[in-house]
Amino acid sequence: LTGLAARGAIKPLVSERVPLAGAADAVQRVADG
């Protein structure tokens, strides 16, 4: 996986970055699809 990432073949899609205070709401939204 590290090799694939190094050559740009894979790159995790991070759609949101939330602060620690927003974790509960974010977990609920993941749970709800």
PDB file of all heavy atoms in Angstrom:
ATOM      1  N   LEU A   1       0.825  -1.211   0.000  1.00  0.00           N
ATOM      2  CA  LEU A   1       0.000   0.000   0.000  1.00  0.00           C
ATOM      3  C   LEU A   1       0.857   1.259   0.000  1.00  0.00           C
ATOM      4  O   LEU A   1       0.545   2.239  -0.678  1.00  0.00           O
ATOM      5  CB  LEU A   1      -0.925   0.001   1.215  1.00  0.00           C
ATOM      6  CG  LEU A   1      -1.989  -1.102   1.263  1.00  0.00           C
ATOM      7  CD1 LEU A   1      -2.760  -1.023   2.578  1.00  0.00           C
ATOM      8  CD2 LEU A   1      -2.938  -1.014   0.077  1.00  0.00           C
ATOM      9  N   THR A   2       1.953   1.228   0.758  1.00  0.00           N
ATOM     10  CA  THR A   2       2.862   2.383   0.812  1.00  0.00           C
ATOM     11  C   THR A   2       3.451   2.644  -0.569  1.00  0.00           C
ATOM     12  O   THR A   2       3.560   3.802  -1.004  1.00  0.00           O
ATOM     13  CB  THR A   2       3.984   2.139   1.831  1.00  0.00           C
ATOM     14  OG1 THR A   2       3.407   1.980   3.136  1.00  0.00           O
ATOM     15  CG2 THR A   2       4.967   3.304   1.859  1.00  0.00           C
ATOM     16  N   GLY A   3       3.812   1.580  -1.273  1.00  0.00           N
ATOM     17  CA  GLY A   3       4.338   1.723  -2.623  1.00  0.00           C
ATOM     18  C   GLY A   3       3.308   2.285  -3.585  1.00  0.00           C
ATOM     19  O   GLY A   3       3.621   3.156  -4.419  1.00  0.00           O
ATOM     20  N   LEU A   4       2.074   1.820  -3.473  1.00  0.00           N
ATOM     21  CA  LEU A   4       1.001   2.328  -4.339  1.00  0.00           C
ATOM     22  C   LEU A   4       0.734   3.802  -4.051  1.00  0.00           C
ATOM     23  O   LEU A   4       0.505   4.595  -4.970  1.00  0.00           O
ATOM     24  CB  LEU A   4      -0.272   1.503  -4.123  1.00  0.00           C
ATOM     25  CG  LEU A   4      -0.259   0.078  -4.666  1.00  0.00           C
ATOM     26  CD1 LEU A   4      -1.489  -0.694  -4.174  1.00  0.00           C
ATOM     27  CD2 LEU A   4      -0.231   0.072  -6.193  1.00  0.00           C
ATOM     28  N   ALA A   5       0.775   4.179  -2.764  1.00  0.00           N
ATOM     29  CA  ALA A   5       0.554   5.584  -2.407  1.00  0.00           C
ATOM     30  C   ALA A   5       1.688   6.464  -2.916  1.00  0.00           C
ATOM     31  O   ALA A   5       1.465   7.590  -3.382  1.00  0.00           O
ATOM     32  CB  ALA A   5       0.415   5.719  -0.889  1.00  0.00           C
ATOM     33  N   ALA A   6       2.915   5.948  -2.852  1.00  0.00           N
ATOM     34  CA  ALA A   6       4.078   6.730  -3.279  1.00  0.00           C
ATOM     35  C   ALA A   6       4.009   7.076  -4.754  1.00  0.00           C
ATOM     36  O   ALA A   6       4.453   8.159  -5.169  1.00  0.00           O
ATOM     37  CB  ALA A   6       5.363   5.963  -2.969  1.00  0.00           C
ATOM     38  N   ARG A   7       3.465   6.170  -5.552  1.00  0.00           N
ATOM     39  CA  ARG A   7       3.384   6.466  -6.977  1.00  0.00           C
ATOM     40  C   ARG A   7       2.021   7.019  -7.412  1.00  0.00           C
ATOM     41  O   ARG A   7       1.748   7.171  -8.597  1.00  0.00           O
ATOM     42  CB  ARG A   7       3.750   5.235  -7.801  1.00  0.00           C
ATOM     43  CG  ARG A   7       2.814   4.056  -7.730  1.00  0.00           C
ATOM     44  CD  ARG A   7       3.285   3.023  -8.763  1.00  0.00           C
ATOM     45  NE  ARG A   7       2.364   1.937  -8.944  1.00  0.00           N
ATOM     46  CZ  ARG A   7       2.480   0.737  -8.373  1.00  0.00           C
ATOM     47  NH1 ARG A   7       3.503   0.491  -7.577  1.00  0.00           N
ATOM     48  NH2 ARG A   7       1.589  -0.208  -8.605  1.00  0.00           N
ATOM     49  N   GLY A   8       1.182   7.335  -6.423  1.00  0.00           N
ATOM     50  CA  GLY A   8      -0.090   7.987  -6.713  1.00  0.00           C
ATOM     51  C   GLY A   8      -1.180   7.079  -7.218  1.00  0.00           C
ATOM     52  O   GLY A   8      -2.221   7.567  -7.674  1.00  0.00           O
ATOM     53  N   ALA A   9      -0.995   5.769  -7.113  1.00  0.00           N
ATOM     54  CA  ALA A   9      -2.010   4.827  -7.590  1.00  0.00           C
ATOM     55  C   ALA A   9      -3.199   4.758  -6.647  1.00  0.00           C
ATOM     56  O   ALA A   9      -4.320   4.455  -7.072  1.00  0.00           O
ATOM     57  CB  ALA A   9      -1.397   3.437  -7.768  1.00  0.00           C
ATOM     58  N   ILE A  10      -2.970   5.034  -5.367  1.00  0.00           N
ATOM     59  CA  ILE A  10      -4.062   5.107  -4.400  1.00  0.00           C
ATOM     60  C   ILE A  10      -3.867   6.357  -3.547  1.00  0.00           C
ATOM     61  O   ILE A  10      -2.753   6.796  -3.299  1.00  0.00           O
ATOM     62  CB  ILE A  10      -4.132   3.865  -3.479  1.00  0.00           C
ATOM     63  CG1 ILE A  10      -2.845   3.697  -2.662  1.00  0.00           C
ATOM     64  CG2 ILE A  10      -4.446   2.611  -4.277  1.00  0.00           C
ATOM     65  CD1 ILE A  10      -2.906   2.601  -1.613  1.00  0.00           C
ATOM     66  N   LYS A  11      -4.979   6.922  -3.122  1.00  0.00           N
ATOM     67  CA  LYS A  11      -4.963   8.098  -2.241  1.00  0.00           C
ATOM     68  C   LYS A  11      -6.296   8.130  -1.519  1.00  0.00           C
ATOM     69  O   LYS A  11      -7.336   8.367  -2.158  1.00  0.00           O
ATOM     70  CB  LYS A  11      -4.749   9.388  -3.032  1.00  0.00           C
ATOM     71  CG  LYS A  11      -4.578  10.641  -2.156  1.00  0.00           C
ATOM     72  CD  LYS A  11      -4.369  11.860  -3.041  1.00  0.00           C
ATOM     73  CE  LYS A  11      -4.197  13.144  -2.235  1.00  0.00           C
ATOM     74  NZ  LYS A  11      -2.953  13.150  -1.449  1.00  0.00           N
ATOM     75  N   PRO A  12      -6.317   7.849  -0.220  1.00  0.00           N
ATOM     76  CA  PRO A  12      -7.585   7.815   0.507  1.00  0.00           C
ATOM     77  C   PRO A  12      -8.405   9.082   0.298  1.00  0.00           C
ATOM     78  O   PRO A  12      -7.881  10.198   0.383  1.00  0.00           O
ATOM     79  CB  PRO A  12      -7.148   7.663   1.965  1.00  0.00           C
ATOM     80  CG  PRO A  12      -5.847   6.930   1.877  1.00  0.00           C
ATOM     81  CD  PRO A  12      -5.178   7.485   0.649  1.00  0.00           C
ATOM     82  N   LEU A  13      -9.689   8.882   0.027  1.00  0.00           N
ATOM     83  CA  LEU A  13     -10.612   9.986  -0.150  1.00  0.00           C
ATOM     84  C   LEU A  13     -11.092  10.449   1.223  1.00  0.00           C
ATOM     85  O   LEU A  13     -11.904   9.777   1.861  1.00  0.00           O
ATOM     86  CB  LEU A  13     -11.806   9.552  -1.009  1.00  0.00           C
ATOM     87  CG  LEU A  13     -12.967  10.537  -1.106  1.00  0.00           C
ATOM     88  CD1 LEU A  13     -12.518  11.844  -1.748  1.00  0.00           C
ATOM     89  CD2 LEU A  13     -14.125   9.923  -1.890  1.00  0.00           C
ATOM     90  N   VAL A  14     -10.556  11.555   1.683  1.00  0.00           N
ATOM     91  CA  VAL A  14     -10.983  12.144   2.957  1.00  0.00           C
ATOM     92  C   VAL A  14     -11.926  13.288   2.615  1.00  0.00           C
ATOM     93  O   VAL A  14     -11.499  14.356   2.193  1.00  0.00           O
ATOM     94  CB  VAL A  14      -9.780  12.635   3.789  1.00  0.00           C
ATOM     95  CG1 VAL A  14     -10.270  13.238   5.107  1.00  0.00           C
ATOM     96  CG2 VAL A  14      -8.811  11.493   4.051  1.00  0.00           C
ATOM     97  N   SER A  15     -13.213  13.038   2.800  1.00  0.00           N
ATOM     98  CA  SER A  15     -14.207  14.030   2.381  1.00  0.00           C
ATOM     99  C   SER A  15     -14.394  15.140   3.412  1.00  0.00           C
ATOM    100  O   SER A  15     -14.796  16.252   3.064  1.00  0.00           O
ATOM    101  CB  SER A  15     -15.552  13.346   2.128  1.00  0.00           C
ATOM    102  OG  SER A  15     -16.002  12.684   3.302  1.00  0.00           O
ATOM    103  N   GLU A  16     -14.127  14.830   4.689  1.00  0.00           N
ATOM    104  CA  GLU A  16     -14.291  15.829   5.748  1.00  0.00           C
ATOM    105  C   GLU A  16     -13.187  15.672   6.781  1.00  0.00           C
ATOM    106  O   GLU A  16     -12.739  14.563   7.060  1.00  0.00           O
ATOM    107  CB  GLU A  16     -15.636  15.659   6.463  1.00  0.00           C
ATOM    108  CG  GLU A  16     -16.859  15.899   5.610  1.00  0.00           C
ATOM    109  CD  GLU A  16     -18.130  15.717   6.427  1.00  0.00           C
ATOM    110  OE1 GLU A  16     -18.297  16.439   7.433  1.00  0.00           O
ATOM    111  OE2 GLU A  16     -18.927  14.838   6.062  1.00  0.00           O
ATOM    112  N   ARG A  17     -12.790  16.793   7.364  1.00  0.00           N
ATOM    113  CA  ARG A  17     -11.845  16.823   8.474  1.00  0.00           C
ATOM    114  C   ARG A  17     -12.489  17.670   9.559  1.00  0.00           C
ATOM    115  O   ARG A  17     -12.682  18.872   9.367  1.00  0.00           O
ATOM    116  CB  ARG A  17     -10.499  17.407   8.019  1.00  0.00           C
ATOM    117  CG  ARG A  17      -9.832  16.602   6.899  1.00  0.00           C
ATOM    118  CD  ARG A  17      -8.780  17.438   6.161  1.00  0.00           C
ATOM    119  NE  ARG A  17      -8.332  16.729   4.954  1.00  0.00           N
ATOM    120  CZ  ARG A  17      -7.147  16.140   4.820  1.00  0.00           C
ATOM    121  NH1 ARG A  17      -6.279  16.190   5.819  1.00  0.00           N
ATOM    122  NH2 ARG A  17      -6.828  15.516   3.704  1.00  0.00           N
ATOM    123  N   VAL A  18     -12.836  17.043  10.655  1.00  0.00           N
ATOM    124  CA  VAL A  18     -13.574  17.744  11.699  1.00  0.00           C
ATOM    125  C   VAL A  18     -12.724  17.829  12.967  1.00  0.00           C
ATOM    126  O   VAL A  18     -11.884  16.967  13.221  1.00  0.00           O
ATOM    127  CB  VAL A  18     -14.914  17.044  12.012  1.00  0.00           C
ATOM    128  CG1 VAL A  18     -15.769  16.946  10.761  1.00  0.00           C
ATOM    129  CG2 VAL A  18     -14.690  15.659  12.604  1.00  0.00           C
ATOM    130  N   PRO A  19     -12.930  18.872  13.774  1.00  0.00           N
ATOM    131  CA  PRO A  19     -12.204  18.960  15.048  1.00  0.00           C
ATOM    132  C   PRO A  19     -12.721  17.906  16.024  1.00  0.00           C
ATOM    133  O   PRO A  19     -13.775  17.290  15.806  1.00  0.00           O
ATOM    134  CB  PRO A  19     -12.523  20.383  15.529  1.00  0.00           C
ATOM    135  CG  PRO A  19     -13.852  20.692  14.903  1.00  0.00           C
ATOM    136  CD  PRO A  19     -13.831  20.027  13.558  1.00  0.00           C
ATOM    137  N   LEU A  20     -11.993  17.711  17.098  1.00  0.00           N
ATOM    138  CA  LEU A  20     -12.377  16.695  18.086  1.00  0.00           C
ATOM    139  C   LEU A  20     -13.801  16.922  18.581  1.00  0.00           C
ATOM    140  O   LEU A  20     -14.557  15.959  18.778  1.00  0.00           O
ATOM    141  CB  LEU A  20     -11.396  16.711  19.261  1.00  0.00           C
ATOM    142  CG  LEU A  20     -11.576  15.620  20.326  1.00  0.00           C
ATOM    143  CD1 LEU A  20     -11.430  14.234  19.719  1.00  0.00           C
ATOM    144  CD2 LEU A  20     -10.574  15.816  21.453  1.00  0.00           C
ATOM    145  N   ALA A  21     -14.186  18.171  18.753  1.00  0.00           N
ATOM    146  CA  ALA A  21     -15.522  18.478  19.269  1.00  0.00           C
ATOM    147  C   ALA A  21     -16.635  18.000  18.342  1.00  0.00           C
ATOM    148  O   ALA A  21     -17.779  17.814  18.775  1.00  0.00           O
ATOM    149  CB  ALA A  21     -15.661  19.982  19.516  1.00  0.00           C
ATOM    150  N   GLY A  22     -16.326  17.787  17.074  1.00  0.00           N
ATOM    151  CA  GLY A  22     -17.349  17.367  16.118  1.00  0.00           C
ATOM    152  C   GLY A  22     -17.424  15.873  15.896  1.00  0.00           C
ATOM    153  O   GLY A  22     -18.152  15.408  15.008  1.00  0.00           O
ATOM    154  N   ALA A  23     -16.710  15.089  16.691  1.00  0.00           N
ATOM    155  CA  ALA A  23     -16.604  13.654  16.446  1.00  0.00           C
ATOM    156  C   ALA A  23     -17.947  12.925  16.557  1.00  0.00           C
ATOM    157  O   ALA A  23     -18.288  12.093  15.708  1.00  0.00           O
ATOM    158  CB  ALA A  23     -15.589  13.023  17.388  1.00  0.00           C
ATOM    159  N   ALA A  24     -18.725  13.191  17.599  1.00  0.00           N
ATOM    160  CA  ALA A  24     -19.975  12.452  17.802  1.00  0.00           C
ATOM    161  C   ALA A  24     -20.938  12.654  16.639  1.00  0.00           C
ATOM    162  O   ALA A  24     -21.540  11.701  16.132  1.00  0.00           O
ATOM    163  CB  ALA A  24     -20.630  12.872  19.118  1.00  0.00           C
ATOM    164  N   ASP A  25     -21.073  13.898  16.205  1.00  0.00           N
ATOM    165  CA  ASP A  25     -21.949  14.181  15.070  1.00  0.00           C
ATOM    166  C   ASP A  25     -21.448  13.485  13.814  1.00  0.00           C
ATOM    167  O   ASP A  25     -22.240  12.937  13.034  1.00  0.00           O
ATOM    168  CB  ASP A  25     -22.028  15.698  14.844  1.00  0.00           C
ATOM    169  CG  ASP A  25     -22.841  16.055  13.606  1.00  0.00           C
ATOM    170  OD1 ASP A  25     -24.062  15.822  13.617  1.00  0.00           O
ATOM    171  OD2 ASP A  25     -22.243  16.531  12.622  1.00  0.00           O
ATOM    172  N   ALA A  26     -20.122  13.465  13.623  1.00  0.00           N
ATOM    173  CA  ALA A  26     -19.559  12.841  12.431  1.00  0.00           C
ATOM    174  C   ALA A  26     -19.752  11.318  12.456  1.00  0.00           C
ATOM    175  O   ALA A  26     -20.071  10.715  11.427  1.00  0.00           O
ATOM    176  CB  ALA A  26     -18.074  13.184  12.325  1.00  0.00           C
ATOM    177  N   VAL A  27     -19.566  10.697  13.617  1.00  0.00           N
ATOM    178  CA  VAL A  27     -19.787   9.256  13.719  1.00  0.00           C
ATOM    179  C   VAL A  27     -21.249   8.921  13.412  1.00  0.00           C
ATOM    180  O   VAL A  27     -21.550   7.938  12.733  1.00  0.00           O
ATOM    181  CB  VAL A  27     -19.403   8.731  15.119  1.00  0.00           C
ATOM    182  CG1 VAL A  27     -19.771   7.249  15.258  1.00  0.00           C
ATOM    183  CG2 VAL A  27     -17.911   8.912  15.362  1.00  0.00           C
ATOM    184  N   GLN A  28     -22.156   9.747  13.883  1.00  0.00           N
ATOM    185  CA  GLN A  28     -23.580   9.514  13.609  1.00  0.00           C
ATOM    186  C   GLN A  28     -23.881   9.620  12.123  1.00  0.00           C
ATOM    187  O   GLN A  28     -24.641   8.814  11.570  1.00  0.00           O
ATOM    188  CB  GLN A  28     -24.435  10.512  14.397  1.00  0.00           C
ATOM    189  CG  GLN A  28     -25.933  10.234  14.308  1.00  0.00           C
ATOM    190  CD  GLN A  28     -26.305   8.914  14.948  1.00  0.00           C
ATOM    191  OE1 GLN A  28     -26.048   8.689  16.132  1.00  0.00           O
ATOM    192  NE2 GLN A  28     -26.904   8.016  14.175  1.00  0.00           N
ATOM    193  N   ARG A  29     -23.276  10.600  11.454  1.00  0.00           N
ATOM    194  CA  ARG A  29     -23.519  10.755  10.011  1.00  0.00           C
ATOM    195  C   ARG A  29     -22.947   9.578   9.228  1.00  0.00           C
ATOM    196  O   ARG A  29     -23.539   9.136   8.246  1.00  0.00           O
ATOM    197  CB  ARG A  29     -22.947  12.077   9.509  1.00  0.00           C
ATOM    198  CG  ARG A  29     -23.790  13.274   9.942  1.00  0.00           C
ATOM    199  CD  ARG A  29     -23.356  14.588   9.350  1.00  0.00           C
ATOM    200  NE  ARG A  29     -22.106  15.059   9.918  1.00  0.00           N
ATOM    201  CZ  ARG A  29     -20.957  15.131   9.249  1.00  0.00           C
ATOM    202  NH1 ARG A  29     -20.908  14.748   7.979  1.00  0.00           N
ATOM    203  NH2 ARG A  29     -19.872  15.576   9.837  1.00  0.00           N
ATOM    204  N   VAL A  30     -21.789   9.057   9.656  1.00  0.00           N
ATOM    205  CA  VAL A  30     -21.252   7.851   9.018  1.00  0.00           C
ATOM    206  C   VAL A  30     -22.202   6.686   9.237  1.00  0.00           C
ATOM    207  O   VAL A  30     -22.498   5.909   8.319  1.00  0.00           O
ATOM    208  CB  VAL A  30     -19.849   7.525   9.582  1.00  0.00           C
ATOM    209  CG1 VAL A  30     -19.389   6.143   9.114  1.00  0.00           C
ATOM    210  CG2 VAL A  30     -18.842   8.584   9.139  1.00  0.00           C
ATOM    211  N   ALA A  31     -22.735   6.560  10.448  1.00  0.00           N
ATOM    212  CA  ALA A  31     -23.677   5.485  10.767  1.00  0.00           C
ATOM    213  C   ALA A  31     -24.933   5.573   9.918  1.00  0.00           C
ATOM    214  O   ALA A  31     -25.504   4.547   9.520  1.00  0.00           O
ATOM    215  CB  ALA A  31     -24.040   5.535  12.248  1.00  0.00           C
ATOM    216  N   ASP A  32     -25.359   6.788   9.619  1.00  0.00           N
ATOM    217  CA  ASP A  32     -26.587   6.999   8.849  1.00  0.00           C
ATOM    218  C   ASP A  32     -26.366   6.953   7.339  1.00  0.00           C
ATOM    219  O   ASP A  32     -27.301   7.163   6.568  1.00  0.00           O
ATOM    220  CB  ASP A  32     -27.216   8.340   9.232  1.00  0.00           C
ATOM    221  CG  ASP A  32     -27.703   8.368  10.677  1.00  0.00           C
ATOM    222  OD1 ASP A  32     -27.951   7.283  11.238  1.00  0.00           O
ATOM    223  OD2 ASP A  32     -27.838   9.488  11.240  1.00  0.00           O
ATOM    224  N   GLY A  33     -25.124   6.718   6.914  1.00  0.00           N
ATOM    225  CA  GLY A  33     -24.830   6.612   5.488  1.00  0.00           C
ATOM    226  C   GLY A  33     -24.877   7.927   4.752  1.00  0.00           C
ATOM    227  O   GLY A  33     -25.141   7.965   3.543  1.00  0.00           O
TER     228      GLY A  33
END
